[in-house]
Amino acid sequence: MYFYVDESGQTGLNLFDEAQPILYYGVLSSPKKLNIHAREHVENIRQLLDVDRLHANVLGVDKLSSICQQIDTIQRKNRICFDIYKINKVDHAAISFFDQIFDQGLNKAVPWTAYWTPLRYPLLLEVASLFDLDTLKKAWDARTGRNVAKSNAMLTDVLQVLLGRIDYIEDLRAKEIINDSLRWAVKNLDEIHYNIFDKDDLLQISPNLIGFQSVLHGIASRLERDGGKAISVIVDQQSQFNKAQKWISNFYQQAREIPMEVGPGLPVMNLQHIPDVSISCVAGTEDVGLELVDVYLWLFKRFMEDKPIGTALHKLISKQFNIGYTDQVSLAGIAERWGNYFANQPPLSTADLERGKSFRDVAEVHRKKFLKDL
């Protein structure tokens, strides 16, 4: 299988651009090398439109509608599939805050079960509900600041604001954990290690790299389902994030044989089908596969944003609805996925409840040792 990857809505570490709130990654896959098997078709389309390259944002709906039949021919002849992944950038800032402040390995006030089991997701949603946009911006500025003292000062302000809103949380256990954890963080800023001051590490917490991890998992899922092998993974060349994309790709490759179990009830990260080829970063002008993924990504983005694409283009992309993968990183997606998970859990037996209470009592004795000076 050949894979072609493009992105849209890239704003780097600026997560609060109102014009581009979502980062999209699109992945086009085919059992054929499109730069060979689709080249003649794409060159004919370029000639027909009198352009040097198929760039959907430049062509627009009308010109793309005029070449629907040709695109559909390419799609059918090359058995093209298209997958799309979304990252809500503002939500990513809240998730990043939670992952650092409520990391049970760092924050001694966080119970083990509140971070290493699915109980982390209801807690995350409660914490996220305490933020307003300005406070979330300050939290992200503190996270990405290069000066530790300034970042810690901003973080202290954020923590105090959130503590002032703790009574908005109705669930008593969630309120207790969040209150304890935020107060512990205020007193132990240096142990939280909140800000990222290394440039390479900054790229690793960017939505771009989070989205690219979704891309790699999606490719692995497609290879597992279809039983194929990745011949190449071609990524649109851009200087800022290609290095980080290569890093995470190589990291996953080295861990292909090691199932990563995070905690009980949490998804096991199975990297067995991660492509064992290095990604290739190629200029969009050098591979027709990148031209085609640009077209599909632009159309799907408009469709998902409820912008008009016309009947012909809708018919074209609708052929992908039942064969393409999609996923998202967002608070709404977490609420839906894990809300369904908890709703479908069987009721606990009396014995299970007793064991759980016993475990919790022991854990609480240990946890509260760290709360005495708060």
Protein backbone atom coordinates (compact mmCIF):
# COMPACT_ATOMS: atom_id res chain seq x y z
CA MET A 1 0.00 0.00 0.00
CA TYR A 2 1.06 3.55 -0.75
CA PHE A 3 0.04 6.36 1.61
CA TYR A 4 -0.07 10.11 0.97
CA VAL A 5 -0.45 12.54 3.89
CA ASP A 6 -1.44 16.21 3.93
CA GLU A 7 -2.69 18.62 6.55
CA SER A 8 -4.87 21.72 6.67
CA GLY A 9 -5.44 24.39 9.30
CA GLN A 10 -1.86 24.35 10.54
CA THR A 11 -1.12 27.22 12.93
CA GLY A 12 1.79 25.67 14.81
CA LEU A 13 1.67 26.32 18.54
CA ASN A 14 -0.92 29.08 18.13
CA LEU A 15 -4.04 27.17 19.19
CA PHE A 16 -6.39 30.14 19.36
CA ASP A 17 -6.66 31.35 15.77
CA GLU A 18 -10.42 31.81 15.42
CA ALA A 19 -10.20 31.42 11.64
CA GLN A 20 -8.61 27.95 11.93
CA PRO A 21 -9.86 26.21 15.09
CA ILE A 22 -9.38 22.69 13.71
CA LEU A 23 -6.25 20.96 12.41
CA TYR A 24 -7.05 18.32 9.80
CA TYR A 25 -4.89 15.47 8.57
CA GLY A 26 -5.89 13.63 5.41
CA VAL A 27 -4.46 10.27 4.31
CA LEU A 28 -4.93 8.89 0.81
CA SER A 29 -4.10 5.21 0.33
CA SER A 30 -3.86 3.01 -2.73
CA PRO A 31 -2.37 -0.35 -3.68
CA LYS A 32 -0.83 1.44 -6.66
CA LYS A 33 1.91 4.04 -6.81
CA LEU A 34 -0.09 7.09 -7.83
CA ASN A 35 2.91 9.01 -9.10
CA ILE A 36 3.07 6.39 -11.85
CA HIS A 37 -0.45 5.03 -12.33
CA ALA A 38 -2.37 8.30 -11.89
CA ARG A 39 0.16 10.68 -13.42
CA GLU A 40 -1.24 10.72 -16.94
CA HIS A 41 -4.78 11.36 -15.65
CA VAL A 42 -3.60 14.19 -13.40
CA GLU A 43 -1.53 15.77 -16.16
CA ASN A 44 -4.59 15.72 -18.44
CA ILE A 45 -6.64 17.43 -15.72
CA ARG A 46 -3.93 20.08 -15.25
CA GLN A 47 -3.95 20.74 -18.98
CA LEU A 48 -7.74 20.94 -19.01
CA LEU A 49 -7.74 23.49 -16.17
CA ASP A 50 -4.59 25.26 -17.39
CA VAL A 51 -2.77 24.92 -14.05
CA ASP A 52 0.64 23.65 -13.03
CA ARG A 53 -0.70 21.80 -9.97
CA LEU A 54 -4.04 20.68 -8.57
CA HIS A 55 -4.51 22.88 -5.54
CA ALA A 56 -8.10 22.64 -4.35
CA ASN A 57 -8.18 25.93 -2.48
CA VAL A 58 -7.18 27.74 -5.66
CA LEU A 59 -9.49 25.77 -7.96
CA GLY A 60 -12.60 26.10 -5.81
CA VAL A 61 -15.89 24.26 -6.03
CA ASP A 62 -16.77 25.19 -9.62
CA LYS A 63 -13.54 24.00 -11.24
CA LEU A 64 -13.38 20.89 -9.09
CA SER A 65 -16.96 20.09 -10.08
CA SER A 66 -15.92 20.22 -13.72
CA ILE A 67 -13.36 17.42 -13.18
CA CYS A 68 -15.48 15.15 -10.96
CA GLN A 69 -15.66 12.43 -13.58
CA GLN A 70 -11.88 12.39 -14.07
CA ILE A 71 -11.23 12.25 -10.30
CA ASP A 72 -13.75 9.45 -9.96
CA THR A 73 -11.95 7.52 -12.70
CA ILE A 74 -8.67 7.88 -10.81
CA GLN A 75 -10.41 6.80 -7.62
CA ARG A 76 -11.89 3.65 -9.17
CA LYS A 77 -8.85 2.58 -11.19
CA ASN A 78 -6.48 2.97 -8.27
CA ARG A 79 -8.85 1.76 -5.51
CA ILE A 80 -8.25 4.92 -3.53
CA CYS A 81 -9.35 5.23 0.11
CA PHE A 82 -9.35 8.45 2.08
CA ASP A 83 -9.11 8.85 5.88
CA ILE A 84 -9.41 12.10 7.84
CA TYR A 85 -8.40 13.07 11.38
CA LYS A 86 -9.32 16.21 13.33
CA ILE A 87 -7.75 17.96 16.30
CA ASN A 88 -9.70 20.68 18.10
CA LYS A 89 -6.86 23.03 19.00
CA VAL A 90 -8.53 24.79 21.95
CA ASP A 91 -9.53 21.42 23.43
CA HIS A 92 -5.95 20.25 22.95
CA ALA A 93 -4.78 23.05 25.27
CA ALA A 94 -7.14 21.82 28.02
CA ILE A 95 -6.11 18.19 27.48
CA SER A 96 -2.43 19.15 27.63
CA PHE A 97 -3.02 20.99 30.93
CA PHE A 98 -4.75 17.97 32.42
CA ASP A 99 -2.11 15.50 31.24
CA GLN A 100 0.63 17.44 33.01
CA ILE A 101 -1.07 18.76 36.15
CA PHE A 102 -2.99 15.56 36.91
CA ASP A 103 -0.24 13.11 35.99
CA GLN A 104 -0.33 10.80 39.01
CA GLY A 105 3.39 10.16 38.64
CA LEU A 106 4.01 13.88 39.28
CA ASN A 107 1.08 15.12 41.35
CA LYS A 108 0.95 13.26 44.68
CA ALA A 109 -2.63 14.39 45.34
CA VAL A 110 -4.02 12.52 42.32
CA PRO A 111 -5.34 9.02 43.10
CA TRP A 112 -3.90 6.25 40.95
CA THR A 113 -7.33 5.29 39.60
CA ALA A 114 -8.08 8.88 38.58
CA TYR A 115 -5.27 8.89 36.01
CA TRP A 116 -4.48 5.30 35.05
CA THR A 117 -8.03 4.03 34.43
CA PRO A 118 -10.97 5.28 32.32
CA LEU A 119 -11.95 7.42 35.33
CA ARG A 120 -9.44 9.93 33.96
CA TYR A 121 -11.88 10.97 31.24
CA PRO A 122 -14.78 12.15 33.44
CA LEU A 123 -12.16 13.95 35.57
CA LEU A 124 -10.65 15.58 32.47
CA LEU A 125 -14.07 16.85 31.39
CA GLU A 126 -14.73 18.29 34.85
CA VAL A 127 -11.37 20.09 34.86
CA ALA A 128 -11.91 21.42 31.33
CA SER A 129 -15.31 22.81 32.36
CA LEU A 130 -13.58 25.19 34.81
CA PHE A 131 -11.74 27.06 32.05
CA ASP A 132 -12.80 30.18 30.23
CA LEU A 133 -10.93 31.09 27.05
CA ASP A 134 -8.60 33.68 28.61
CA THR A 135 -7.57 31.32 31.41
CA LEU A 136 -6.97 28.53 28.91
CA LYS A 137 -4.81 30.83 26.80
CA LYS A 138 -2.73 31.68 29.87
CA ALA A 139 -2.39 27.98 30.71
CA TRP A 140 -1.10 27.27 27.19
CA ASP A 141 1.27 30.26 27.30
CA ALA A 142 2.67 28.88 30.55
CA ARG A 143 2.99 25.43 28.99
CA THR A 144 4.92 26.71 25.99
CA GLY A 145 6.92 29.44 27.72
CA ARG A 146 10.69 29.08 27.72
CA ASN A 147 11.25 30.90 31.05
CA VAL A 148 10.51 28.68 34.05
CA ALA A 149 9.90 31.52 36.52
CA LYS A 150 7.47 33.34 34.21
CA SER A 151 5.68 30.12 33.29
CA ASN A 152 5.30 29.14 36.94
CA ALA A 153 3.91 32.59 37.78
CA MET A 154 1.33 32.28 35.01
CA LEU A 155 0.51 28.73 36.06
CA THR A 156 -0.04 29.86 39.65
CA ASP A 157 -2.55 32.44 38.43
CA VAL A 158 -4.34 29.75 36.41
CA LEU A 159 -4.48 27.33 39.31
CA GLN A 160 -5.89 30.00 41.64
CA VAL A 161 -8.59 30.90 39.11
CA LEU A 162 -9.61 27.26 38.77
CA LEU A 163 -9.65 26.81 42.54
CA GLY A 164 -12.00 29.76 42.75
CA ARG A 165 -14.44 27.90 40.51
CA ILE A 166 -14.28 24.54 42.25
CA ASP A 167 -17.80 24.86 43.65
CA TYR A 168 -19.21 24.67 40.13
CA ILE A 169 -18.39 20.96 40.14
CA GLU A 170 -21.37 18.97 41.38
CA ASP A 171 -19.78 15.53 41.70
CA LEU A 172 -18.37 15.48 45.24
CA ARG A 173 -15.58 12.97 44.57
CA ALA A 174 -14.42 14.82 41.44
CA LYS A 175 -14.53 18.10 43.39
CA GLU A 176 -12.38 16.61 46.15
CA ILE A 177 -9.75 15.22 43.77
CA ILE A 178 -9.54 18.38 41.65
CA ASN A 179 -9.38 20.66 44.68
CA ASP A 180 -6.64 18.59 46.33
CA SER A 181 -4.67 18.24 43.10
CA LEU A 182 -4.77 21.94 42.20
CA ARG A 183 -3.76 22.97 45.73
CA TRP A 184 -0.90 20.45 45.69
CA ALA A 185 0.28 21.83 42.35
CA VAL A 186 0.28 25.41 43.71
CA LYS A 187 2.59 24.31 46.52
CA ASN A 188 4.81 22.10 44.37
CA LEU A 189 5.27 23.89 41.05
CA ASP A 190 8.80 22.63 40.53
CA GLU A 191 7.65 19.02 40.75
CA ILE A 192 4.99 19.49 38.07
CA HIS A 193 7.55 20.53 35.39
CA TYR A 194 4.76 22.30 33.54
CA ASN A 195 6.53 24.39 30.93
CA ILE A 196 8.35 23.02 27.89
CA PHE A 197 11.55 24.94 27.24
CA ASP A 198 13.24 22.72 24.65
CA LYS A 199 12.32 23.50 21.04
CA ASP A 200 12.06 19.85 20.00
CA ASP A 201 9.86 19.04 23.00
CA LEU A 202 7.59 21.95 22.08
CA LEU A 203 6.98 20.33 18.70
CA GLN A 204 6.09 17.07 20.43
CA ILE A 205 3.15 18.68 22.31
CA SER A 206 1.90 20.50 19.22
CA PRO A 207 -1.45 19.48 17.72
CA ASN A 208 0.46 18.62 14.55
CA LEU A 209 2.33 15.79 16.20
CA ILE A 210 -0.77 14.62 18.09
CA GLY A 211 -2.60 14.51 14.76
CA PHE A 212 0.26 12.69 13.08
CA GLN A 213 0.08 9.99 15.75
CA SER A 214 -3.57 9.51 14.73
CA VAL A 215 -2.37 9.21 11.13
CA LEU A 216 0.11 6.46 12.04
CA HIS A 217 -2.47 4.53 14.06
CA GLY A 218 -4.95 4.87 11.21
CA ILE A 219 -2.44 3.54 8.69
CA ALA A 220 -1.67 0.64 11.04
CA SER A 221 -5.39 -0.15 11.39
CA ARG A 222 -5.84 -0.13 7.62
CA LEU A 223 -2.85 -2.43 7.11
CA GLU A 224 -4.13 -4.79 9.82
CA ARG A 225 -7.61 -4.89 8.31
CA ASP A 226 -6.53 -5.29 4.69
CA GLY A 227 -3.49 -7.46 5.35
CA GLY A 228 -1.21 -5.25 3.28
CA LYS A 229 2.26 -3.82 3.70
CA ALA A 230 3.28 -0.19 3.51
CA ILE A 231 5.58 0.43 0.55
CA SER A 232 5.85 4.15 1.18
CA VAL A 233 4.38 6.89 3.36
CA ILE A 234 4.75 10.23 1.60
CA VAL A 235 4.17 13.38 3.66
CA ASP A 236 3.79 16.88 2.26
CA GLN A 237 7.05 18.69 2.87
CA GLN A 238 7.06 21.56 5.35
CA SER A 239 10.08 22.57 7.36
CA GLN A 240 8.57 23.08 10.82
CA PHE A 241 7.12 19.67 11.65
CA ASN A 242 8.70 17.08 9.33
CA LYS A 243 11.52 16.44 11.82
CA ALA A 244 9.04 15.75 14.63
CA GLN A 245 6.93 13.55 12.34
CA LYS A 246 9.99 11.48 11.51
CA TRP A 247 10.86 11.23 15.19
CA ILE A 248 7.47 9.84 16.26
CA SER A 249 7.39 7.52 13.25
CA ASN A 250 10.81 6.09 14.15
CA PHE A 251 9.80 5.80 17.81
CA TYR A 252 6.70 3.78 16.91
CA GLN A 253 8.72 1.56 14.57
CA GLN A 254 11.18 0.69 17.34
CA ALA A 255 8.27 -0.28 19.61
CA ARG A 256 6.36 -2.35 17.04
CA GLU A 257 6.73 -5.60 18.97
CA ILE A 258 5.88 -4.13 22.38
CA PRO A 259 2.16 -3.75 23.20
CA MET A 260 1.86 -0.57 25.27
CA GLU A 261 -0.59 -1.07 28.12
CA VAL A 262 -1.30 2.24 29.81
CA GLY A 263 -3.69 1.06 32.52
CA PRO A 264 -6.65 -1.26 33.19
CA GLY A 265 -9.60 -0.49 30.97
CA LEU A 266 -7.60 1.90 28.80
CA PRO A 267 -6.87 1.05 25.15
CA VAL A 268 -3.76 -1.03 24.51
CA MET A 269 -1.51 0.68 22.00
CA ASN A 270 -0.68 -2.10 19.54
CA LEU A 271 2.04 -0.89 17.18
CA GLN A 272 2.53 -4.20 15.40
CA HIS A 273 1.22 -2.88 12.08
CA ILE A 274 2.95 0.50 12.14
CA PRO A 275 4.71 0.91 8.75
CA ASP A 276 8.29 -0.27 8.90
CA VAL A 277 9.38 2.17 6.20
CA SER A 278 10.68 5.64 6.90
CA ILE A 279 8.33 8.45 5.96
CA SER A 280 9.34 10.49 2.93
CA CYS A 281 8.86 14.26 3.07
CA VAL A 282 8.24 15.39 -0.50
CA ALA A 283 7.30 18.72 -2.03
CA GLY A 284 3.68 18.82 -3.17
CA THR A 285 4.83 19.59 -6.71
CA GLU A 286 6.80 16.32 -6.99
CA ASP A 287 4.15 13.64 -6.44
CA VAL A 288 0.66 13.51 -7.91
CA GLY A 289 -0.50 11.54 -4.86
CA LEU A 290 0.00 14.71 -2.81
CA GLU A 291 -2.06 16.69 -5.33
CA LEU A 292 -4.91 14.21 -4.99
CA VAL A 293 -4.85 14.08 -1.19
CA ASP A 294 -4.99 17.89 -1.21
CA VAL A 295 -8.21 17.72 -3.25
CA TYR A 296 -9.86 15.12 -1.02
CA LEU A 297 -8.82 16.88 2.18
CA TRP A 298 -10.19 20.23 1.00
CA LEU A 299 -13.51 18.66 0.00
CA PHE A 300 -13.92 16.70 3.22
CA LYS A 301 -13.01 19.73 5.30
CA ARG A 302 -15.72 21.78 3.58
CA PHE A 303 -18.20 18.95 4.00
CA MET A 304 -17.45 18.62 7.72
CA GLU A 305 -17.77 22.38 8.18
CA ASP A 306 -21.18 22.38 6.43
CA LYS A 307 -19.92 24.48 3.54
CA PRO A 308 -21.42 23.86 0.09
CA ILE A 309 -19.61 21.56 -2.31
CA GLY A 310 -22.41 20.80 -4.78
CA THR A 311 -24.12 17.57 -5.74
CA ALA A 312 -21.42 16.18 -8.02
CA LEU A 313 -18.60 16.61 -5.50
CA HIS A 314 -20.75 15.26 -2.69
CA LYS A 315 -21.44 12.17 -4.78
CA LEU A 316 -17.70 11.79 -5.40
CA ILE A 317 -16.65 11.88 -1.74
CA SER A 318 -19.69 9.90 -0.54
CA LYS A 319 -18.05 6.81 -2.05
CA GLN A 320 -15.53 7.11 0.79
CA PHE A 321 -18.08 7.29 3.60
CA ASN A 322 -18.22 3.53 4.20
CA ILE A 323 -14.57 2.72 3.54
CA GLY A 324 -12.68 5.67 5.06
CA TYR A 325 -11.55 6.04 8.65
CA THR A 326 -12.11 9.13 10.75
CA ASP A 327 -11.20 10.10 14.29
CA GLN A 328 -10.91 13.25 16.36
CA VAL A 329 -9.13 14.68 19.38
CA SER A 330 -11.70 16.84 21.13
CA LEU A 331 -13.55 17.09 24.42
CA ALA A 332 -16.82 16.34 22.64
CA GLY A 333 -15.31 13.19 21.14
CA ILE A 334 -14.00 12.09 24.55
CA ALA A 335 -17.40 12.74 26.17
CA GLU A 336 -19.19 10.69 23.53
CA ARG A 337 -16.76 7.77 23.43
CA TRP A 338 -16.30 7.35 27.17
CA GLY A 339 -19.86 8.29 28.03
CA ASN A 340 -20.96 5.30 25.97
CA TYR A 341 -18.29 3.17 27.65
CA PHE A 342 -19.52 3.91 31.17
CA ALA A 343 -23.19 3.65 30.15
CA ASN A 344 -22.62 0.12 28.84
CA GLN A 345 -20.72 -1.24 31.84
CA PRO A 346 -22.54 -4.02 33.74
CA PRO A 347 -23.48 -3.25 37.34
CA LEU A 348 -20.86 -4.16 39.94
CA SER A 349 -21.51 -7.03 42.30
CA THR A 350 -21.48 -6.51 46.05
CA ALA A 351 -18.13 -8.28 46.22
CA ASP A 352 -16.68 -6.01 43.52
CA LEU A 353 -17.92 -2.94 45.36
CA GLU A 354 -16.32 -4.12 48.58
CA ARG A 355 -12.99 -4.83 46.88
CA GLY A 356 -13.10 -1.42 45.23
CA LYS A 357 -13.85 0.30 48.52
CA SER A 358 -11.00 -1.57 50.21
CA PHE A 359 -8.54 -0.57 47.47
CA ARG A 360 -9.72 3.03 47.62
CA ASP A 361 -9.35 3.20 51.40
CA VAL A 362 -5.75 2.01 51.24
CA ALA A 363 -4.94 4.41 48.40
CA GLU A 364 -6.56 7.34 50.23
CA VAL A 365 -4.43 6.79 53.31
CA HIS A 366 -1.33 6.99 51.12
CA ARG A 367 -2.58 9.99 49.11
CA LYS A 368 -3.58 12.07 52.10
CA LYS A 369 -0.09 11.88 53.55
CA PHE A 370 0.81 14.46 50.93
CA LEU A 371 -2.09 16.79 51.78
CA LYS A 372 -1.22 17.55 55.40
CA ASP A 373 0.58 20.82 54.70
CA LEU A 374 -2.01 22.16 52.24
